[in-house]
Amino acid sequence: MSGVGSPYLERRDRYERAMEGWVDNTHADAFTLTARIRDDDLGVEVSAVATPSPGYEIREARARVLSGAADPQIVAGFGALAGGRMVGGFTRRLTELTGGRPGAQHFMDAAIEVARLARQATKLTPERARTAKDGAWACWQLDTAGWVDLPDSCFTYSDAGKALLGTRPVTTSMVPELYCPPPGARVFSRKKVARLERSGQRLSLYHSMFDEAHGFEIRYEIDLDSETIVRAESETPRLPYMGICDEPQKKIAALVGQPVDRELGKRIQVLIGGSAGCAQLYDLTADLLKLLSFD
């Protein structure tokens, strides 16, 4: 029997979860960030009022159960995140807060999505934000000014990616409202679907993400006999910078032939992540791997 499986496939051959998240400009110096995760067993919501880059400081946090059942202590304790920051160590703080109780992983995953949403909108001056209309180079400069953690976070924001801006046509999906949103506006919205499907000795993995700046669909197929990835494909109909962001998408092919084991999550940091890779491709893949188990 294969050592690769998933606790989410114990009673079924197909599992699907959906994430819906959004950013509202509710405060002069902060956003309200909300993420919902639902599957057939449980639906949860996590919301936080937090400052934009560079602080990412949580002022208020709350959680609730939308469907199914989870340990009520998790919901009651979520307010304790206030005063912390959504930076390195945030996952560890979530682990301490949820304590491995029933429903913990759903709440942790929703809170991580909230932290990711915080990287999608910022608050620059109206004068600076208006320069987004000047094209890709102007938006690239706004990005690196608006989000302190972007430089070298992926290929697009590396020196190599920057160098391509002047050598080829590049189009961007970035707009002024992401840099200086109107008061009370819904600034950003995101939908994701993750799916596992087992058929015989094959396990198919799928993850999609669509928002104002990104369009991703990734597919992997695992041969359970050899416990290796035999198929790795992606489609990216929308990217922040078409002409630059396309480059690291090719790296997904490097996962074909990779053993599916406990160390794969670390190996993908080099294979598809880092300053030569794509942060979104890495996150979508890493989230799928978190749904697997290894005996």
Protein backbone atom coordinates (compact mmCIF):
# COMPACT_ATOMS: atom_id res chain seq x y z
CA MET A 1 0.00 0.00 0.00
CA SER A 2 1.36 3.43 -0.87
CA GLY A 3 2.72 5.63 1.89
CA VAL A 4 1.36 8.76 0.19
CA GLY A 5 -2.21 9.63 1.06
CA SER A 6 -4.38 12.28 2.64
CA PRO A 7 -6.46 12.42 5.81
CA TYR A 8 -9.05 14.23 3.69
CA LEU A 9 -9.47 11.12 1.50
CA GLU A 10 -10.07 8.63 4.30
CA ARG A 11 -13.80 8.32 3.58
CA ARG A 12 -13.87 9.36 -0.07
CA ASP A 13 -11.92 9.43 -3.32
CA ARG A 14 -12.47 13.14 -4.00
CA TYR A 15 -11.96 16.12 -1.72
CA GLU A 16 -12.45 19.81 -2.49
CA ARG A 17 -12.09 22.98 -0.49
CA ALA A 18 -12.78 26.57 -1.49
CA MET A 19 -11.30 29.79 -0.19
CA GLU A 20 -12.88 33.19 -0.63
CA GLY A 21 -11.03 36.26 0.60
CA TRP A 22 -11.30 40.02 0.31
CA VAL A 23 -9.78 43.31 1.45
CA ASP A 24 -11.94 46.27 2.53
CA ASN A 25 -10.55 49.77 3.05
CA THR A 26 -12.32 50.43 6.34
CA HIS A 27 -9.79 52.62 8.18
CA ALA A 28 -7.60 55.57 7.27
CA ASP A 29 -4.45 53.59 8.11
CA ALA A 30 -5.62 49.96 8.08
CA PHE A 31 -7.58 47.36 6.11
CA THR A 32 -10.15 44.77 7.13
CA LEU A 33 -9.01 41.42 5.72
CA THR A 34 -11.37 38.44 5.59
CA ALA A 35 -10.89 34.83 4.49
CA ARG A 36 -13.39 31.97 4.42
CA ILE A 37 -12.48 28.31 3.92
CA ARG A 38 -15.19 25.73 3.28
CA ASP A 39 -15.34 22.02 2.51
CA ASP A 40 -17.94 19.31 3.06
CA ASP A 41 -16.96 18.99 6.72
CA LEU A 42 -16.35 22.50 7.98
CA GLY A 43 -16.64 26.15 7.03
CA VAL A 44 -14.77 28.88 8.91
CA GLU A 45 -14.12 32.59 8.65
CA VAL A 46 -11.21 34.63 9.96
CA SER A 47 -11.15 38.42 9.83
CA ALA A 48 -8.58 40.95 10.98
CA VAL A 49 -8.12 44.70 11.01
CA ALA A 50 -4.46 45.22 10.20
CA THR A 51 -2.07 47.88 8.99
CA PRO A 52 -0.46 47.59 5.55
CA SER A 53 3.24 47.13 4.79
CA PRO A 54 5.66 47.49 6.48
CA GLY A 55 3.91 46.92 9.81
CA TYR A 56 1.29 44.23 9.09
CA GLU A 57 0.13 44.87 12.66
CA ILE A 58 -3.10 43.21 13.82
CA ARG A 59 -5.42 45.58 15.67
CA GLU A 60 -8.43 43.30 15.89
CA ALA A 61 -8.99 39.63 15.04
CA ARG A 62 -12.02 37.39 15.14
CA ALA A 63 -13.11 33.99 13.90
CA ARG A 64 -16.36 32.12 13.51
CA VAL A 65 -17.72 28.78 12.35
CA LEU A 66 -19.88 29.00 9.23
CA SER A 67 -20.85 25.32 8.99
CA GLY A 68 -19.95 22.08 10.72
CA ALA A 69 -18.34 21.94 14.14
CA ALA A 70 -15.03 23.08 15.62
CA ASP A 71 -13.66 23.55 19.12
CA PRO A 72 -15.29 26.75 20.46
CA GLN A 73 -12.07 27.61 22.33
CA ILE A 74 -10.44 28.43 18.98
CA VAL A 75 -13.08 31.02 18.15
CA ALA A 76 -13.01 32.45 21.66
CA GLY A 77 -9.23 32.81 21.61
CA PHE A 78 -8.71 34.43 18.21
CA GLY A 79 -8.83 37.94 19.63
CA ALA A 80 -5.48 37.22 21.28
CA LEU A 81 -3.80 37.79 17.90
CA ALA A 82 -4.36 41.54 18.35
CA GLY A 83 -1.09 43.31 18.94
CA GLY A 84 0.92 40.83 16.91
CA ARG A 85 2.23 41.09 13.36
CA MET A 86 1.65 38.94 10.27
CA VAL A 87 5.34 38.36 9.60
CA GLY A 88 7.86 35.61 10.41
CA GLY A 89 6.62 33.52 13.34
CA PHE A 90 2.93 34.09 12.54
CA THR A 91 2.32 30.41 11.75
CA ARG A 92 3.92 29.40 15.04
CA ARG A 93 1.64 31.82 16.89
CA LEU A 94 -1.39 30.30 15.13
CA THR A 95 -0.26 26.81 16.11
CA GLU A 96 -0.06 27.88 19.75
CA LEU A 97 -3.46 29.56 19.55
CA THR A 98 -5.35 26.67 17.94
CA GLY A 99 -3.53 23.95 19.87
CA GLY A 100 -4.32 21.12 17.45
CA ARG A 101 -7.96 21.14 18.54
CA PRO A 102 -10.81 20.07 16.21
CA GLY A 103 -10.99 22.51 13.31
CA ALA A 104 -7.55 23.96 14.02
CA GLN A 105 -6.12 23.48 10.53
CA HIS A 106 -9.03 25.23 8.82
CA PHE A 107 -8.65 28.26 11.08
CA MET A 108 -4.87 28.31 10.65
CA ASP A 109 -5.19 28.13 6.87
CA ALA A 110 -7.78 30.93 6.83
CA ALA A 111 -5.53 33.14 8.98
CA ILE A 112 -2.60 32.51 6.64
CA GLU A 113 -4.80 33.58 3.73
CA VAL A 114 -5.57 36.78 5.65
CA ALA A 115 -1.82 37.42 5.93
CA ARG A 116 -1.43 36.85 2.18
CA LEU A 117 -4.26 39.28 1.45
CA ALA A 118 -2.39 41.92 3.43
CA ARG A 119 0.27 41.78 0.69
CA GLN A 120 -2.23 42.73 -2.03
CA ALA A 121 -3.18 46.32 -1.15
CA THR A 122 -1.33 49.27 0.33
CA LYS A 123 -1.76 52.96 1.09
CA LEU A 124 0.45 55.30 -0.89
CA THR A 125 -0.37 58.93 -1.57
CA PRO A 126 -2.89 59.66 -4.34
CA GLU A 127 -0.16 61.43 -6.33
CA ARG A 128 2.10 58.37 -6.29
CA ALA A 129 -0.74 55.94 -6.95
CA ARG A 130 -1.82 57.82 -10.08
CA THR A 131 1.51 56.96 -11.73
CA ALA A 132 0.23 53.37 -12.05
CA LYS A 133 -1.47 54.59 -15.23
CA ASP A 134 1.99 55.05 -16.77
CA GLY A 135 2.50 51.33 -17.33
CA ALA A 136 4.50 48.36 -16.10
CA TRP A 137 7.72 50.14 -15.10
CA ALA A 138 5.78 52.69 -13.02
CA CYS A 139 3.77 49.92 -11.31
CA TRP A 140 6.91 47.90 -10.61
CA GLN A 141 8.38 50.90 -8.82
CA LEU A 142 5.16 51.41 -6.85
CA ASP A 143 5.17 47.75 -5.84
CA THR A 144 8.66 47.85 -4.39
CA ALA A 145 7.82 51.10 -2.59
CA GLY A 146 4.46 49.90 -1.28
CA TRP A 147 5.42 46.44 -0.01
CA VAL A 148 8.66 46.16 1.96
CA ASP A 149 8.90 42.37 1.53
CA LEU A 150 8.65 42.27 -2.29
CA PRO A 151 12.31 42.72 -3.38
CA ASP A 152 13.76 39.29 -4.27
CA SER A 153 10.56 37.55 -3.17
CA CYS A 154 10.22 36.14 -6.70
CA PHE A 155 11.71 36.45 -10.18
CA THR A 156 9.62 39.50 -11.11
CA TYR A 157 11.03 41.52 -8.21
CA SER A 158 14.60 40.34 -8.62
CA ASP A 159 17.34 42.20 -10.50
CA ALA A 160 16.93 39.70 -13.36
CA GLY A 161 13.20 40.42 -13.60
CA LYS A 162 13.73 44.16 -13.38
CA ALA A 163 16.22 43.99 -16.24
CA LEU A 164 13.57 42.52 -18.55
CA LEU A 165 11.27 45.53 -18.19
CA GLY A 166 13.25 47.47 -20.77
CA THR A 167 13.89 44.63 -23.20
CA ARG A 168 10.43 43.29 -24.11
CA PRO A 169 6.75 44.23 -24.12
CA VAL A 170 5.32 43.94 -20.59
CA THR A 171 1.69 44.51 -19.65
CA THR A 172 0.39 44.83 -16.12
CA SER A 173 -2.92 44.18 -14.37
CA MET A 174 -2.06 46.56 -11.53
CA VAL A 175 -4.30 49.63 -11.09
CA PRO A 176 -4.08 52.82 -8.98
CA GLU A 177 -6.78 51.61 -6.57
CA LEU A 178 -4.47 48.87 -5.24
CA TYR A 179 -1.98 51.51 -4.15
CA CYS A 180 -4.40 54.15 -2.83
CA PRO A 181 -7.92 52.74 -2.50
CA PRO A 182 -10.98 54.94 -2.00
CA PRO A 183 -12.38 55.02 1.57
CA GLY A 184 -14.84 52.20 2.20
CA ALA A 185 -13.99 50.39 -1.03
CA ARG A 186 -13.60 46.66 -1.53
CA VAL A 187 -10.04 46.80 -2.76
CA PHE A 188 -9.26 43.21 -3.65
CA SER A 189 -11.03 39.84 -3.82
CA ARG A 190 -9.66 36.34 -4.32
CA LYS A 191 -11.09 32.88 -4.90
CA LYS A 192 -9.18 29.59 -4.65
CA VAL A 193 -10.18 25.97 -5.11
CA ALA A 194 -8.04 23.02 -4.03
CA ARG A 195 -8.94 19.48 -5.06
CA LEU A 196 -7.59 15.97 -4.48
CA GLU A 197 -8.88 13.03 -6.51
CA ARG A 198 -7.79 9.40 -6.26
CA SER A 199 -8.31 6.98 -9.14
CA GLY A 200 -6.66 3.59 -8.82
CA GLN A 201 -2.97 4.16 -8.18
CA ARG A 202 -3.03 7.76 -9.33
CA LEU A 203 -3.63 10.82 -7.17
CA SER A 204 -4.52 14.06 -8.96
CA LEU A 205 -3.95 17.43 -7.33
CA TYR A 206 -5.50 20.69 -8.53
CA HIS A 207 -5.33 24.25 -7.26
CA SER A 208 -6.70 27.42 -8.79
CA MET A 209 -6.51 31.08 -7.79
CA PHE A 210 -8.25 34.03 -9.41
CA ASP A 211 -8.17 37.65 -8.30
CA GLU A 212 -7.62 41.11 -9.79
CA ALA A 213 -3.96 40.42 -10.50
CA HIS A 214 -3.62 36.63 -10.83
CA GLY A 215 -5.14 33.72 -12.70
CA PHE A 216 -3.63 30.32 -11.86
CA GLU A 217 -4.62 26.72 -12.45
CA ILE A 218 -2.04 24.09 -11.51
CA ARG A 219 -2.29 20.33 -11.87
CA TYR A 220 -0.12 17.54 -10.54
CA GLU A 221 -0.46 13.80 -10.85
CA ILE A 222 1.21 11.40 -8.45
CA ASP A 223 1.89 7.76 -9.25
CA LEU A 224 1.20 6.04 -5.94
CA ASP A 225 3.23 2.94 -6.84
CA SER A 226 6.46 4.86 -7.37
CA GLU A 227 5.40 7.76 -5.10
CA THR A 228 6.62 10.30 -7.64
CA ILE A 229 5.13 13.21 -9.55
CA VAL A 230 4.47 12.12 -13.14
CA ARG A 231 2.63 15.22 -14.36
CA ALA A 232 3.04 18.91 -13.53
CA GLU A 233 1.25 21.61 -15.53
CA SER A 234 0.00 25.13 -15.06
CA GLU A 235 -2.12 27.69 -16.88
CA THR A 236 -1.79 31.39 -16.07
CA PRO A 237 -4.32 33.48 -18.01
CA ARG A 238 -3.63 36.50 -15.79
CA LEU A 239 -0.38 37.61 -14.15
CA PRO A 240 0.69 40.89 -12.55
CA TYR A 241 3.31 41.44 -15.28
CA MET A 242 2.73 39.49 -18.47
CA GLY A 243 6.11 39.27 -20.12
CA ILE A 244 8.03 38.81 -16.87
CA CYS A 245 5.88 36.70 -14.53
CA ASP A 246 5.59 34.11 -17.33
CA GLU A 247 9.27 33.20 -17.05
CA PRO A 248 9.28 31.33 -13.70
CA GLN A 249 6.08 29.43 -14.58
CA LYS A 250 8.25 27.15 -16.72
CA LYS A 251 9.89 25.86 -13.55
CA ILE A 252 6.89 23.72 -12.72
CA ALA A 253 8.24 21.09 -15.14
CA ALA A 254 11.12 20.49 -12.70
CA LEU A 255 8.70 18.75 -10.35
CA VAL A 256 8.14 15.83 -12.74
CA GLY A 257 10.07 12.88 -11.34
CA GLN A 258 10.30 14.33 -7.85
CA PRO A 259 9.69 11.86 -4.99
CA VAL A 260 6.60 12.74 -2.98
CA ASP A 261 7.89 12.61 0.58
CA ARG A 262 8.14 14.73 3.72
CA GLU A 263 11.04 16.72 2.27
CA LEU A 264 9.28 17.76 -0.95
CA GLY A 265 7.90 20.87 0.74
CA LYS A 266 11.47 22.03 1.36
CA ARG A 267 12.73 21.10 -2.09
CA ILE A 268 10.09 23.15 -3.89
CA GLN A 269 11.51 26.28 -2.26
CA VAL A 270 14.49 25.85 -4.59
CA LEU A 271 12.68 24.26 -7.54
CA ILE A 272 9.86 26.80 -8.00
CA GLY A 273 10.22 29.43 -5.27
CA GLY A 274 12.76 32.03 -4.18
CA SER A 275 14.13 34.93 -6.18
CA ALA A 276 14.28 32.84 -9.38
CA GLY A 277 10.79 31.39 -8.99
CA CYS A 278 7.17 32.45 -8.49
CA ALA A 279 5.80 33.10 -4.99
CA GLN A 280 2.24 32.29 -6.03
CA LEU A 281 3.18 29.05 -7.77
CA TYR A 282 5.12 28.07 -4.66
CA ASP A 283 2.26 28.89 -2.27
CA LEU A 284 -0.34 27.06 -4.35
CA THR A 285 1.87 23.97 -4.53
CA ALA A 286 2.87 24.08 -0.87
CA ASP A 287 -0.78 24.32 0.17
CA LEU A 288 -1.59 21.18 -1.82
CA LEU A 289 1.28 19.30 -0.18
CA LYS A 290 -0.08 20.26 3.25
CA LEU A 291 -3.20 18.24 2.40
CA LEU A 292 -1.13 15.05 1.98
CA SER A 293 0.16 12.55 4.50
CA PHE A 294 3.26 10.37 4.38
CA ASP A 295 3.42 7.01 6.21
